[in-house]
Every structure is written in structure tokens, then in C-alpha cells.
């Protein structure tokens, strides 16, 4: 039996009588790169909130690393246990240098006192390796505020990587990027998945098609389809969910959208 890094079991989340996640089952393996897609309102952000302890369900349970009951732990403790989350808008410290941002991040997973201690050799080595991995070694001593949008996204990913997460949750990491930056980000995601599991919420279908291994489609709080992108994008249920109907021209348009091809 394959051990799961994450198991979401029959979870229901409702707000003011509106069901956002409906008896949802979702699971990820160790070392997996998974993309999560779906129309607006499908429940994607709520699912990430659930995994990080920000939202509590009415029913169901969430297990992390095969043993940790996410629903019984506070958010800061889940960070120390190995769940890292990046939101769509990069949140770096613009007045600090790139390497200083990583130094600050090293202490996030530890207790508060770690923020004020001298940087150890192992931490310094990890920061250097992370700068190389995210492609910002040459910008290490530049203020983070001087970075391009794409570089800030990579820096924030690096700020999570130095905390050595087991599961990395990324919300639309390529939004606003150039084509070259998107490609570089996809290569970075593939590289970091060798050491951890990565879940990516993304709306850029061309990016998903290019880099996804497995895609999960959420719709109305349930898993509508799951599998390789070339299979998912041909699923009639997925096409209908994206456009709301299945007339021939609509199906063709939705198929092009899911394929990352503009009309």
C-alpha cells in the first residue's frame, strides 16, 4: 500500500448554508507534482485553506504525512511539521536583500527565538543551495524590491524551500509572468518535486498542459475528473463544467482552452 503525504477524507465545508466542499475525497503521494484546476467557485482555495488549518470542516478528516490530523493542529504548528503555502501575490520583504529574505524564512519553521540567533553553517549552506536552485544566486545581495515579478515569485518559493517542507502548496505561481518566466517556473517545480510533494492551483492551461503529471479537476466541491492532462481535457464533464453547456462550438472552445490554445 502506497503511503500518502495527504489524505482528505469525506470532507464537507459549508459557509452560511452554501456547500463549498461536498464530501470531498482527495489524496496525494510522496514525491508527486499535482495540478489542481477547476472553474471559479469550485472549492480550490477552500481546499488549500483546509490543508493549512485555516478552515475547519463540518465533517470529515485530513491526514498529513500518514499520521498528523491537520484539523487538530494550529496553522503555525503545521508549518513546522512540513506544510508550506504560497499565495498568488508574492509577499517578500522588499527592503531586505534576497539572501536576508531567506535568512528570515529559515526561522519561520522554528520557534520565535530562532529569528534572533546567529545563522548556523547548515542554514547558510541551505540558503546558498536554495539561491542556486531558484536562479537568484547572482542577485543575492540585491534588495528584494528590485526584483522582477517572476523573480519575486521564485524568491517566495525559495523562502518556503529553506523551511524544508514535505508538502508545498502553490496558488497560481505563474500569474503575471512572461513566457520565459513561466517555463523557468515549470522547470523549478519539476526539480523541487524530487524531494517533496507539490500541489499547484493554476488557471494557465498552457502551463498546466506543459508541466502537469497528474491533474485533479474540482467542480462544485467534488473531484470531477483526475488523471493525465491529455485525458482530463477530453472529458465531456470537464468541458461542460468550464463552459456550462455542451453545444458543439462551446465544446470546441472549451477543449481549446483546456489544451492551452487560444481561439
Protein backbone atom coordinates (compact mmCIF):
# COMPACT_ATOMS: atom_id res chain seq x y z
CA UNK A 1 0.00 0.00 0.00
CA UNK A 2 1.35 3.40 -1.05
CA UNK A 3 1.77 5.81 1.86
CA UNK A 4 0.05 9.15 1.23
CA UNK A 5 1.55 12.52 2.05
CA UNK A 6 -2.01 13.85 2.21
CA UNK A 7 -5.45 12.29 2.58
CA UNK A 8 -8.63 14.35 2.56
CA UNK A 9 -11.47 12.04 3.55
CA UNK A 10 -15.18 12.80 3.06
CA UNK A 11 -14.72 16.46 3.94
CA UNK A 12 -17.66 18.86 3.86
CA UNK A 13 -17.22 22.61 4.27
CA UNK A 14 -20.18 25.00 4.26
CA UNK A 15 -20.42 28.76 4.72
CA UNK A 16 -23.79 30.32 5.56
CA UNK A 17 -25.61 27.27 4.23
CA UNK A 18 -23.61 27.13 0.98
CA UNK A 19 -21.62 23.92 0.49
CA UNK A 20 -18.13 24.66 -0.83
CA UNK A 21 -16.62 21.18 -0.41
CA UNK A 22 -19.10 18.33 -0.65
CA UNK A 23 -17.95 15.07 0.99
CA UNK A 24 -14.66 15.55 -0.87
CA UNK A 25 -12.08 12.77 -1.14
CA UNK A 26 -8.61 13.81 -2.32
CA UNK A 27 -5.16 12.27 -1.89
CA UNK A 28 -1.55 12.85 -2.89
CA UNK A 29 1.51 10.58 -2.81
CA UNK A 30 5.02 11.38 -1.67
CA UNK A 31 7.16 12.96 -4.37
CA UNK A 32 4.18 13.92 -6.52
CA UNK A 33 3.60 17.06 -8.60
CA UNK A 34 -0.16 17.57 -8.78
CA UNK A 35 -2.08 20.34 -10.52
CA UNK A 36 -5.50 21.40 -9.23
CA UNK A 37 -7.79 23.13 -11.72
CA UNK A 38 -11.47 23.98 -11.97
CA UNK A 39 -13.91 26.81 -12.67
CA UNK A 40 -14.19 29.75 -10.27
CA UNK A 41 -16.06 28.69 -7.14
CA UNK A 42 -15.05 25.04 -7.48
CA UNK A 43 -13.53 24.96 -3.97
CA UNK A 44 -9.82 25.10 -4.81
CA UNK A 45 -8.84 27.84 -2.37
CA UNK A 46 -11.01 26.35 0.37
CA UNK A 47 -9.20 23.05 -0.09
CA UNK A 48 -5.83 24.79 0.43
CA UNK A 49 -7.24 26.59 3.47
CA UNK A 50 -8.31 23.21 4.82
CA UNK A 51 -4.85 21.69 4.36
CA UNK A 52 -3.20 24.53 6.26
CA UNK A 53 -5.62 24.59 9.19
CA UNK A 54 -7.14 27.92 8.19
CA UNK A 55 -10.61 26.42 7.60
CA UNK A 56 -12.38 23.77 9.67
CA UNK A 57 -14.89 21.39 8.07
CA UNK A 58 -18.28 20.33 9.35
CA UNK A 59 -17.45 16.69 8.58
CA UNK A 60 -14.52 14.55 7.50
CA UNK A 61 -10.82 14.47 8.32
CA UNK A 62 -7.46 15.44 6.81
CA UNK A 63 -4.31 13.40 7.44
CA UNK A 64 -0.81 14.69 6.65
CA UNK A 65 2.31 12.55 6.45
CA UNK A 66 0.28 9.47 7.29
CA UNK A 67 -0.22 10.41 10.92
CA UNK A 68 -0.89 14.11 11.57
CA UNK A 69 -4.52 15.13 11.97
CA UNK A 70 -4.43 18.55 10.32
CA UNK A 71 -7.74 19.56 11.84
CA UNK A 72 -6.37 19.27 15.38
CA UNK A 73 -3.27 21.42 14.82
CA UNK A 74 -2.87 25.24 14.68
CA UNK A 75 -1.53 26.82 11.49
CA UNK A 76 1.94 27.65 12.85
CA UNK A 77 2.45 24.07 14.04
CA UNK A 78 1.55 22.70 10.60
CA UNK A 79 4.31 24.89 9.13
CA UNK A 80 6.85 23.33 11.49
CA UNK A 81 5.54 19.86 10.64
CA UNK A 82 6.23 20.47 6.96
CA UNK A 83 3.33 22.16 5.15
CA UNK A 84 4.33 25.29 3.23
CA UNK A 85 1.93 27.55 1.34
CA UNK A 86 2.50 30.31 -1.19
CA UNK A 87 -0.30 32.70 -2.12
CA UNK A 88 -0.76 34.21 -5.59
CA UNK A 89 0.71 37.63 -4.75
CA UNK A 90 4.36 37.38 -3.66
CA UNK A 91 4.91 38.52 -0.06
CA UNK A 92 8.63 39.22 0.26
CA UNK A 93 10.37 41.85 2.36
CA UNK A 94 11.27 44.47 -0.28
CA UNK A 95 13.76 46.43 1.84
CA UNK A 96 15.78 43.32 2.70
CA UNK A 97 18.20 41.70 0.30
CA UNK A 98 17.34 38.42 -1.38
CA UNK A 99 19.55 36.37 0.94
CA UNK A 100 18.24 38.26 4.00
CA UNK A 101 14.71 37.25 3.00
CA UNK A 102 15.84 33.63 3.04
CA UNK A 103 17.56 34.10 6.40
CA UNK A 104 14.32 35.40 7.90
CA UNK A 105 12.41 32.47 6.39
CA UNK A 106 14.76 29.94 7.99
CA UNK A 107 13.41 30.94 11.39
CA UNK A 108 9.75 30.69 10.43
CA UNK A 109 9.58 26.94 10.87
CA UNK A 110 11.36 27.12 14.23
CA UNK A 111 10.23 28.89 17.35
CA UNK A 112 10.42 32.68 17.62
CA UNK A 113 13.87 32.65 19.20
CA UNK A 114 15.35 31.21 16.01
CA UNK A 115 14.69 34.54 14.27
CA UNK A 116 17.26 36.24 16.51
CA UNK A 117 20.07 33.70 16.66
CA UNK A 118 23.22 33.70 14.53
CA UNK A 119 22.93 31.82 11.25
CA UNK A 120 24.47 28.34 11.53
CA UNK A 121 26.66 26.69 8.90
CA UNK A 122 23.96 24.24 7.84
CA UNK A 123 21.44 27.07 7.45
CA UNK A 124 23.92 29.12 5.43
CA UNK A 125 24.62 26.15 3.17
CA UNK A 126 20.89 25.58 2.69
CA UNK A 127 20.34 29.21 1.76
CA UNK A 128 23.18 29.09 -0.78
CA UNK A 129 21.81 25.90 -2.33
CA UNK A 130 18.33 27.40 -2.47
CA UNK A 131 19.60 30.56 -4.17
CA UNK A 132 21.19 28.36 -6.82
CA UNK A 133 18.03 26.31 -7.25
CA UNK A 134 15.72 29.31 -7.70
CA UNK A 135 18.20 31.04 -10.03
CA UNK A 136 18.85 34.08 -7.82
CA UNK A 137 22.40 33.45 -6.59
CA UNK A 138 23.65 36.36 -8.67
CA UNK A 139 21.02 38.63 -7.09
CA UNK A 140 21.65 37.51 -3.50
CA UNK A 141 22.72 40.95 -2.27
CA UNK A 142 20.14 42.96 -4.21
CA UNK A 143 17.06 44.36 -2.44
CA UNK A 144 14.09 42.09 -2.99
CA UNK A 145 12.06 45.13 -4.06
CA UNK A 146 14.27 45.50 -7.14
CA UNK A 147 13.39 42.04 -8.49
CA UNK A 148 11.05 41.46 -11.39
CA UNK A 149 7.62 39.96 -10.69
CA UNK A 150 8.80 36.50 -11.72
CA UNK A 151 11.93 36.74 -9.58
CA UNK A 152 9.85 37.72 -6.57
CA UNK A 153 7.72 34.62 -7.13
CA UNK A 154 10.86 32.47 -7.20
CA UNK A 155 12.18 34.17 -4.08
CA UNK A 156 8.98 33.38 -2.20
CA UNK A 157 9.19 29.76 -3.34
CA UNK A 158 12.76 29.80 -2.05
CA UNK A 159 11.57 31.19 1.29
CA UNK A 160 9.40 28.10 1.60
CA UNK A 161 12.11 25.71 0.42
CA UNK A 162 14.59 26.78 3.12
CA UNK A 163 11.97 25.72 5.67
CA UNK A 164 12.29 22.19 4.21
CA UNK A 165 8.58 21.45 3.72
CA UNK A 166 7.32 17.98 2.91
CA UNK A 167 4.28 19.39 1.10
CA UNK A 168 4.34 22.65 -0.85
CA UNK A 169 1.07 24.37 -1.78
CA UNK A 170 1.29 26.99 -4.56
CA UNK A 171 -1.58 29.24 -5.61
CA UNK A 172 -1.27 30.42 -9.24
CA UNK A 173 2.55 30.71 -9.19
CA UNK A 174 2.86 31.85 -12.84
CA UNK A 175 0.17 34.57 -12.83
CA UNK A 176 1.57 37.70 -14.50
CA UNK A 177 4.77 36.02 -15.69
CA UNK A 178 6.37 36.22 -19.12
CA UNK A 179 6.58 33.08 -21.25
CA UNK A 180 10.24 32.59 -20.34
CA UNK A 181 9.49 33.04 -16.63
CA UNK A 182 6.64 30.51 -16.85
CA UNK A 183 8.93 27.94 -18.44
CA UNK A 184 11.59 28.54 -15.79
CA UNK A 185 8.98 28.15 -13.05
CA UNK A 186 7.75 24.86 -14.53
CA UNK A 187 11.30 23.52 -14.58
CA UNK A 188 11.76 24.66 -10.98
CA UNK A 189 8.60 22.85 -9.87
CA UNK A 190 9.75 19.65 -11.53
CA UNK A 191 13.14 19.93 -9.81
CA UNK A 192 11.82 20.58 -6.30
CA UNK A 193 9.34 17.69 -6.54
CA UNK A 194 12.27 15.28 -6.37
CA UNK A 195 12.47 15.99 -2.63
CA UNK A 196 8.84 16.79 -1.70
CA UNK A 197 5.24 16.78 -2.86
CA UNK A 198 3.91 19.88 -4.64
CA UNK A 199 0.29 20.88 -5.21
CA UNK A 200 -0.29 23.71 -7.69
CA UNK A 201 -3.58 25.58 -8.16
CA UNK A 202 -3.41 27.09 -11.63
CA UNK A 203 -5.62 28.73 -14.27
CA UNK A 204 -2.99 28.94 -17.03
CA UNK A 205 -3.99 25.88 -19.06
CA UNK A 206 -0.99 26.08 -21.38
CA UNK A 207 1.30 25.91 -18.35
CA UNK A 208 -0.69 23.01 -16.88
CA UNK A 209 -0.59 21.09 -20.14
CA UNK A 210 3.17 21.59 -20.44
CA UNK A 211 4.21 20.62 -16.92
CA UNK A 212 1.45 18.60 -15.25
CA UNK A 213 1.93 14.95 -14.39
CA UNK A 214 -1.47 14.43 -12.80
CA UNK A 215 -4.40 16.88 -12.88
CA UNK A 216 -7.34 16.97 -10.49
CA UNK A 217 -10.42 18.89 -11.62
CA UNK A 218 -12.69 20.27 -8.89
CA UNK A 219 -16.28 21.27 -9.61
CA UNK A 220 -18.97 22.19 -7.08
CA UNK A 221 -16.80 20.95 -4.24
CA UNK A 222 -16.15 17.48 -5.65
CA UNK A 223 -13.50 15.79 -7.79
CA UNK A 224 -14.94 15.83 -11.29
CA UNK A 225 -12.03 14.19 -13.08
CA UNK A 226 -8.45 13.13 -12.38
CA UNK A 227 -5.57 11.83 -14.44
CA UNK A 228 -3.08 12.93 -17.13
CA UNK A 229 -3.92 16.28 -18.78
CA UNK A 230 -4.41 14.71 -22.20
CA UNK A 231 -7.17 12.53 -20.72
CA UNK A 232 -8.77 15.16 -18.47
CA UNK A 233 -9.05 17.78 -21.20
CA UNK A 234 -11.14 15.41 -23.34
CA UNK A 235 -13.54 14.51 -20.52
CA UNK A 236 -17.03 15.76 -21.57
CA UNK A 237 -17.89 16.51 -17.92
CA UNK A 238 -14.85 18.77 -17.62
CA UNK A 239 -15.66 20.61 -20.84
CA UNK A 240 -19.24 21.14 -19.73
CA UNK A 241 -18.16 22.36 -16.28
CA UNK A 242 -15.88 25.00 -17.79
CA UNK A 243 -18.49 26.43 -20.17
CA UNK A 244 -21.74 25.42 -18.52
CA UNK A 245 -23.19 23.73 -21.60
CA UNK A 246 -22.11 21.30 -24.30
CA UNK A 247 -23.11 22.73 -27.68
CA UNK A 248 -20.63 21.79 -30.43
CA UNK A 249 -18.96 25.21 -30.70
CA UNK A 250 -18.77 25.52 -26.92
CA UNK A 251 -17.17 22.09 -26.63
CA UNK A 252 -14.58 23.05 -29.22
CA UNK A 253 -13.84 26.34 -27.45
CA UNK A 254 -13.53 24.68 -24.05
CA UNK A 255 -11.30 21.96 -25.46
CA UNK A 256 -9.00 24.63 -26.91
CA UNK A 257 -8.93 26.44 -23.56
CA UNK A 258 -8.05 23.28 -21.66
CA UNK A 259 -5.41 22.49 -24.26
CA UNK A 260 -3.78 25.88 -23.73
CA UNK A 261 -4.59 27.00 -27.27
CA UNK A 262 -6.11 30.46 -27.77
CA UNK A 263 -9.06 30.89 -30.09
